[in-house]
Amino acid sequence: AGPSATETSGGIIAAFAEVNRYGGVSGYRLRLISLDDYFVAATAASNTKALISAGVYGLIGYGGMDTVMAAMPIAIANRMPYVGPQSGTSALRNNSKYVINI
């Protein structure tokens, strides 16, 4: 992971800490689980499947067109919130209720 990923993770951790300070979401504390995909689409897909299998409640922090696009159909197929994918591709504006563009 490069500087962008480190900054993204830091921002997510800070936001989660703020939410947790006020009791979390419906009493559940937020926690970030990070898996590095090395900007490789196949690794992003594998990591996404592993996170979903582990029982996460949402996916956040994806960056780069290839990795974002590899993970998106998996998230949608599993009805998993896919929050703030970072890429300029217009394919992210697909009108899926599971893809949350910020």
N, C-alpha and C. Protein backbone atom coordinates (compact mmCIF):
# COMPACT_ATOMS: atom_id res chain seq x y z
N ALA A 1 0.84 -1.19 0.00
CA ALA A 1 0.00 0.00 0.00
C ALA A 1 0.88 1.24 0.00
N GLY A 2 0.46 2.21 -0.76
CA GLY A 2 1.22 3.44 -0.85
C GLY A 2 0.66 4.51 0.06
N PRO A 3 1.17 5.73 -0.09
CA PRO A 3 0.74 6.84 0.77
C PRO A 3 -0.76 7.11 0.71
N SER A 4 -1.36 6.97 -0.47
CA SER A 4 -2.79 7.22 -0.60
C SER A 4 -3.59 6.24 0.25
N ALA A 5 -3.21 4.97 0.22
CA ALA A 5 -3.91 3.96 1.02
C ALA A 5 -3.73 4.22 2.50
N THR A 6 -2.55 4.64 2.90
CA THR A 6 -2.29 4.94 4.31
C THR A 6 -3.14 6.12 4.76
N GLU A 7 -3.23 7.14 3.92
CA GLU A 7 -4.05 8.31 4.27
C GLU A 7 -5.53 7.94 4.32
N THR A 8 -5.98 7.13 3.37
CA THR A 8 -7.37 6.69 3.37
C THR A 8 -7.69 5.90 4.63
N SER A 9 -6.84 4.94 4.96
CA SER A 9 -7.06 4.14 6.17
C SER A 9 -7.07 5.01 7.42
N GLY A 10 -6.17 5.97 7.48
CA GLY A 10 -6.11 6.88 8.63
C GLY A 10 -7.39 7.68 8.78
N GLY A 11 -7.94 8.15 7.65
CA GLY A 11 -9.19 8.89 7.69
C GLY A 11 -10.36 8.03 8.12
N ILE A 12 -10.40 6.81 7.62
CA ILE A 12 -11.48 5.89 8.00
C ILE A 12 -11.39 5.56 9.49
N ILE A 13 -10.19 5.29 9.97
CA ILE A 13 -10.00 4.97 11.39
C ILE A 13 -10.43 6.15 12.26
N ALA A 14 -10.08 7.37 11.85
CA ALA A 14 -10.48 8.55 12.62
C ALA A 14 -12.00 8.71 12.63
N ALA A 15 -12.64 8.49 11.49
CA ALA A 15 -14.11 8.59 11.41
C ALA A 15 -14.77 7.52 12.26
N PHE A 16 -14.25 6.30 12.21
CA PHE A 16 -14.81 5.22 13.03
C PHE A 16 -14.65 5.54 14.51
N ALA A 17 -13.51 6.09 14.90
CA ALA A 17 -13.28 6.45 16.31
C ALA A 17 -14.30 7.47 16.78
N GLU A 18 -14.61 8.43 15.93
CA GLU A 18 -15.61 9.45 16.27
C GLU A 18 -16.99 8.82 16.46
N VAL A 19 -17.37 7.94 15.55
CA VAL A 19 -18.66 7.26 15.68
C VAL A 19 -18.68 6.41 16.94
N ASN A 20 -17.60 5.68 17.18
CA ASN A 20 -17.54 4.81 18.36
C ASN A 20 -17.58 5.60 19.66
N ARG A 21 -17.03 6.79 19.64
CA ARG A 21 -17.04 7.64 20.83
C ARG A 21 -18.47 7.97 21.26
N TYR A 22 -19.37 7.98 20.30
CA TYR A 22 -20.78 8.27 20.58
C TYR A 22 -21.64 7.00 20.61
N GLY A 23 -21.00 5.87 20.82
CA GLY A 23 -21.77 4.63 21.00
C GLY A 23 -21.84 3.71 19.81
N GLY A 24 -21.17 4.07 18.72
CA GLY A 24 -21.16 3.20 17.55
C GLY A 24 -22.44 3.34 16.73
N VAL A 25 -22.76 2.31 16.00
CA VAL A 25 -23.95 2.27 15.15
C VAL A 25 -24.88 1.22 15.75
N SER A 26 -26.00 1.70 16.27
CA SER A 26 -26.96 0.80 16.95
C SER A 26 -26.27 -0.03 18.03
N GLY A 27 -25.31 0.60 18.70
CA GLY A 27 -24.60 -0.07 19.78
C GLY A 27 -23.40 -0.90 19.35
N TYR A 28 -23.19 -1.03 18.06
CA TYR A 28 -22.04 -1.79 17.55
C TYR A 28 -20.88 -0.85 17.27
N ARG A 29 -19.70 -1.21 17.77
CA ARG A 29 -18.49 -0.42 17.52
C ARG A 29 -17.94 -0.77 16.14
N LEU A 30 -17.50 0.25 15.43
CA LEU A 30 -16.92 0.05 14.10
C LEU A 30 -15.44 -0.29 14.22
N ARG A 31 -14.99 -1.17 13.35
CA ARG A 31 -13.58 -1.57 13.32
C ARG A 31 -13.18 -1.78 11.86
N LEU A 32 -12.02 -1.26 11.51
CA LEU A 32 -11.51 -1.42 10.14
C LEU A 32 -10.63 -2.65 10.06
N ILE A 33 -10.94 -3.51 9.11
CA ILE A 33 -10.10 -4.68 8.79
C ILE A 33 -9.51 -4.39 7.42
N SER A 34 -8.19 -4.30 7.33
CA SER A 34 -7.52 -3.95 6.07
C SER A 34 -6.80 -5.15 5.48
N LEU A 35 -7.02 -5.37 4.21
CA LEU A 35 -6.29 -6.38 3.45
C LEU A 35 -5.71 -5.68 2.23
N ASP A 36 -4.43 -5.83 2.00
CA ASP A 36 -3.76 -5.15 0.88
C ASP A 36 -3.97 -5.94 -0.41
N ASP A 37 -4.44 -5.26 -1.45
CA ASP A 37 -4.63 -5.93 -2.74
C ASP A 37 -3.49 -5.63 -3.71
N TYR A 38 -2.54 -4.79 -3.30
CA TYR A 38 -1.38 -4.44 -4.12
C TYR A 38 -1.78 -3.88 -5.49
N PHE A 39 -3.00 -3.35 -5.59
CA PHE A 39 -3.55 -2.84 -6.85
C PHE A 39 -3.65 -3.92 -7.91
N VAL A 40 -3.92 -5.16 -7.47
CA VAL A 40 -4.11 -6.30 -8.36
C VAL A 40 -5.58 -6.71 -8.28
N ALA A 41 -6.27 -6.69 -9.41
CA ALA A 41 -7.71 -6.95 -9.42
C ALA A 41 -8.07 -8.31 -8.83
N ALA A 42 -7.34 -9.35 -9.19
CA ALA A 42 -7.65 -10.69 -8.68
C ALA A 42 -7.49 -10.76 -7.16
N THR A 43 -6.50 -10.05 -6.64
CA THR A 43 -6.30 -10.02 -5.19
C THR A 43 -7.42 -9.24 -4.52
N ALA A 44 -7.85 -8.15 -5.14
CA ALA A 44 -8.97 -7.38 -4.59
C ALA A 44 -10.23 -8.23 -4.54
N ALA A 45 -10.48 -9.00 -5.57
CA ALA A 45 -11.65 -9.88 -5.61
C ALA A 45 -11.55 -10.94 -4.51
N SER A 46 -10.40 -11.55 -4.39
CA SER A 46 -10.19 -12.57 -3.35
C SER A 46 -10.34 -11.99 -1.95
N ASN A 47 -9.75 -10.81 -1.72
CA ASN A 47 -9.87 -10.15 -0.42
C ASN A 47 -11.33 -9.81 -0.11
N THR A 48 -12.06 -9.36 -1.12
CA THR A 48 -13.47 -9.00 -0.93
C THR A 48 -14.27 -10.22 -0.52
N LYS A 49 -14.05 -11.33 -1.19
CA LYS A 49 -14.75 -12.57 -0.84
C LYS A 49 -14.38 -13.01 0.58
N ALA A 50 -13.12 -12.87 0.95
CA ALA A 50 -12.68 -13.25 2.30
C ALA A 50 -13.33 -12.38 3.36
N LEU A 51 -13.41 -11.08 3.11
CA LEU A 51 -14.05 -10.17 4.08
C LEU A 51 -15.53 -10.49 4.24
N ILE A 52 -16.20 -10.74 3.14
CA ILE A 52 -17.62 -11.07 3.20
C ILE A 52 -17.81 -12.39 3.95
N SER A 53 -16.96 -13.37 3.65
CA SER A 53 -17.04 -14.66 4.35
C SER A 53 -16.78 -14.52 5.85
N ALA A 54 -15.96 -13.53 6.20
CA ALA A 54 -15.64 -13.29 7.62
C ALA A 54 -16.80 -12.60 8.35
N GLY A 55 -17.81 -12.14 7.61
CA GLY A 55 -18.98 -11.57 8.24
C GLY A 55 -18.97 -10.07 8.43
N VAL A 56 -18.18 -9.34 7.63
CA VAL A 56 -18.19 -7.88 7.75
C VAL A 56 -19.56 -7.35 7.34
N TYR A 57 -19.87 -6.12 7.77
CA TYR A 57 -21.15 -5.49 7.49
C TYR A 57 -21.08 -4.49 6.34
N GLY A 58 -19.87 -4.19 5.85
CA GLY A 58 -19.72 -3.25 4.75
C GLY A 58 -18.29 -3.24 4.26
N LEU A 59 -18.10 -2.68 3.08
CA LEU A 59 -16.78 -2.59 2.46
C LEU A 59 -16.48 -1.12 2.22
N ILE A 60 -15.27 -0.69 2.56
CA ILE A 60 -14.89 0.72 2.43
C ILE A 60 -13.39 0.81 2.15
N GLY A 61 -12.99 1.85 1.42
CA GLY A 61 -11.58 2.14 1.26
C GLY A 61 -10.94 1.59 0.00
N TYR A 62 -11.73 1.12 -0.95
CA TYR A 62 -11.15 0.60 -2.19
C TYR A 62 -10.70 1.75 -3.08
N GLY A 63 -9.57 1.58 -3.76
CA GLY A 63 -9.06 2.61 -4.65
C GLY A 63 -8.38 2.02 -5.87
N GLY A 64 -8.51 2.70 -6.99
CA GLY A 64 -7.91 2.25 -8.25
C GLY A 64 -8.95 1.55 -9.10
N MET A 65 -9.05 1.93 -10.36
CA MET A 65 -10.12 1.43 -11.22
C MET A 65 -10.19 -0.09 -11.28
N ASP A 66 -9.09 -0.76 -11.51
CA ASP A 66 -9.14 -2.22 -11.67
C ASP A 66 -9.61 -2.92 -10.40
N THR A 67 -9.10 -2.49 -9.25
CA THR A 67 -9.49 -3.15 -8.00
C THR A 67 -10.91 -2.80 -7.60
N VAL A 68 -11.29 -1.54 -7.81
CA VAL A 68 -12.65 -1.10 -7.52
C VAL A 68 -13.65 -1.90 -8.37
N MET A 69 -13.35 -2.06 -9.65
CA MET A 69 -14.25 -2.76 -10.55
C MET A 69 -14.27 -4.27 -10.29
N ALA A 70 -13.18 -4.83 -9.78
CA ALA A 70 -13.15 -6.26 -9.46
C ALA A 70 -14.01 -6.56 -8.23
N ALA A 71 -14.01 -5.66 -7.27
CA ALA A 71 -14.75 -5.88 -6.02
C ALA A 71 -16.23 -5.54 -6.14
N MET A 72 -16.57 -4.57 -6.98
CA MET A 72 -17.95 -4.08 -7.03
C MET A 72 -18.99 -5.16 -7.32
N PRO A 73 -18.83 -6.00 -8.35
CA PRO A 73 -19.88 -7.00 -8.61
C PRO A 73 -20.01 -8.02 -7.48
N ILE A 74 -18.93 -8.28 -6.78
CA ILE A 74 -18.98 -9.21 -5.65
C ILE A 74 -19.78 -8.59 -4.51
N ALA A 75 -19.53 -7.31 -4.25
CA ALA A 75 -20.29 -6.60 -3.21
C ALA A 75 -21.77 -6.59 -3.55
N ILE A 76 -22.10 -6.23 -4.78
CA ILE A 76 -23.51 -6.16 -5.20
C ILE A 76 -24.17 -7.53 -5.11
N ALA A 77 -23.50 -8.57 -5.60
CA ALA A 77 -24.07 -9.92 -5.57
C ALA A 77 -24.34 -10.40 -4.15
N ASN A 78 -23.55 -9.90 -3.21
CA ASN A 78 -23.71 -10.29 -1.80
C ASN A 78 -24.51 -9.28 -1.00
N ARG A 79 -25.11 -8.30 -1.71
CA ARG A 79 -25.91 -7.24 -1.07
C ARG A 79 -25.15 -6.57 0.06
N MET A 80 -23.90 -6.26 -0.23
CA MET A 80 -22.98 -5.68 0.75
C MET A 80 -22.76 -4.21 0.45
N PRO A 81 -22.97 -3.32 1.42
CA PRO A 81 -22.67 -1.90 1.17
C PRO A 81 -21.20 -1.72 0.76
N TYR A 82 -21.00 -1.00 -0.32
CA TYR A 82 -19.69 -0.75 -0.91
C TYR A 82 -19.51 0.76 -0.89
N VAL A 83 -18.84 1.26 0.14
CA VAL A 83 -18.85 2.68 0.46
C VAL A 83 -17.61 3.40 -0.07
N GLY A 84 -17.85 4.46 -0.84
CA GLY A 84 -16.79 5.37 -1.26
C GLY A 84 -15.68 4.79 -2.10
N PRO A 85 -15.98 3.90 -3.08
CA PRO A 85 -14.88 3.42 -3.93
C PRO A 85 -14.24 4.60 -4.66
N GLN A 86 -12.91 4.62 -4.70
CA GLN A 86 -12.17 5.76 -5.25
C GLN A 86 -11.65 5.45 -6.65
N SER A 87 -12.39 5.93 -7.62
CA SER A 87 -11.99 5.79 -9.01
C SER A 87 -12.83 6.77 -9.82
N GLY A 88 -12.30 7.23 -10.92
CA GLY A 88 -13.04 8.16 -11.76
C GLY A 88 -13.95 7.48 -12.75
N THR A 89 -13.97 6.16 -12.78
CA THR A 89 -14.77 5.46 -13.78
C THR A 89 -16.26 5.70 -13.60
N SER A 90 -16.93 5.96 -14.69
CA SER A 90 -18.38 6.20 -14.63
C SER A 90 -19.16 4.93 -14.30
N ALA A 91 -18.53 3.78 -14.41
CA ALA A 91 -19.21 2.52 -14.10
C ALA A 91 -19.64 2.45 -12.64
N LEU A 92 -19.02 3.25 -11.77
CA LEU A 92 -19.41 3.26 -10.36
C LEU A 92 -20.78 3.91 -10.16
N ARG A 93 -21.22 4.66 -11.13
CA ARG A 93 -22.53 5.32 -11.04
C ARG A 93 -23.55 4.41 -11.68
N ASN A 94 -23.69 3.20 -11.14
CA ASN A 94 -24.51 2.17 -11.76
C ASN A 94 -25.91 2.06 -11.17
N ASN A 95 -26.27 2.97 -10.31
CA ASN A 95 -27.59 2.99 -9.69
C ASN A 95 -27.88 1.78 -8.81
N SER A 96 -26.85 1.11 -8.34
CA SER A 96 -27.06 0.04 -7.37
C SER A 96 -27.21 0.65 -6.00
N LYS A 97 -28.17 0.16 -5.23
CA LYS A 97 -28.34 0.67 -3.88
C LYS A 97 -27.20 0.25 -2.96
N TYR A 98 -26.34 -0.65 -3.40
CA TYR A 98 -25.22 -1.12 -2.58
C TYR A 98 -23.94 -0.34 -2.81
N VAL A 99 -23.85 0.41 -3.91
CA VAL A 99 -22.66 1.22 -4.20
C VAL A 99 -22.95 2.63 -3.73
N ILE A 100 -22.20 3.08 -2.71
CA ILE A 100 -22.44 4.38 -2.10
C ILE A 100 -21.29 5.31 -2.46
N ASN A 101 -21.53 6.18 -3.41
CA ASN A 101 -20.51 7.13 -3.85
C ASN A 101 -20.54 8.36 -2.95
N ILE A 102 -19.37 8.80 -2.56
CA ILE A 102 -19.26 9.95 -1.66
C ILE A 102 -18.71 11.13 -2.45
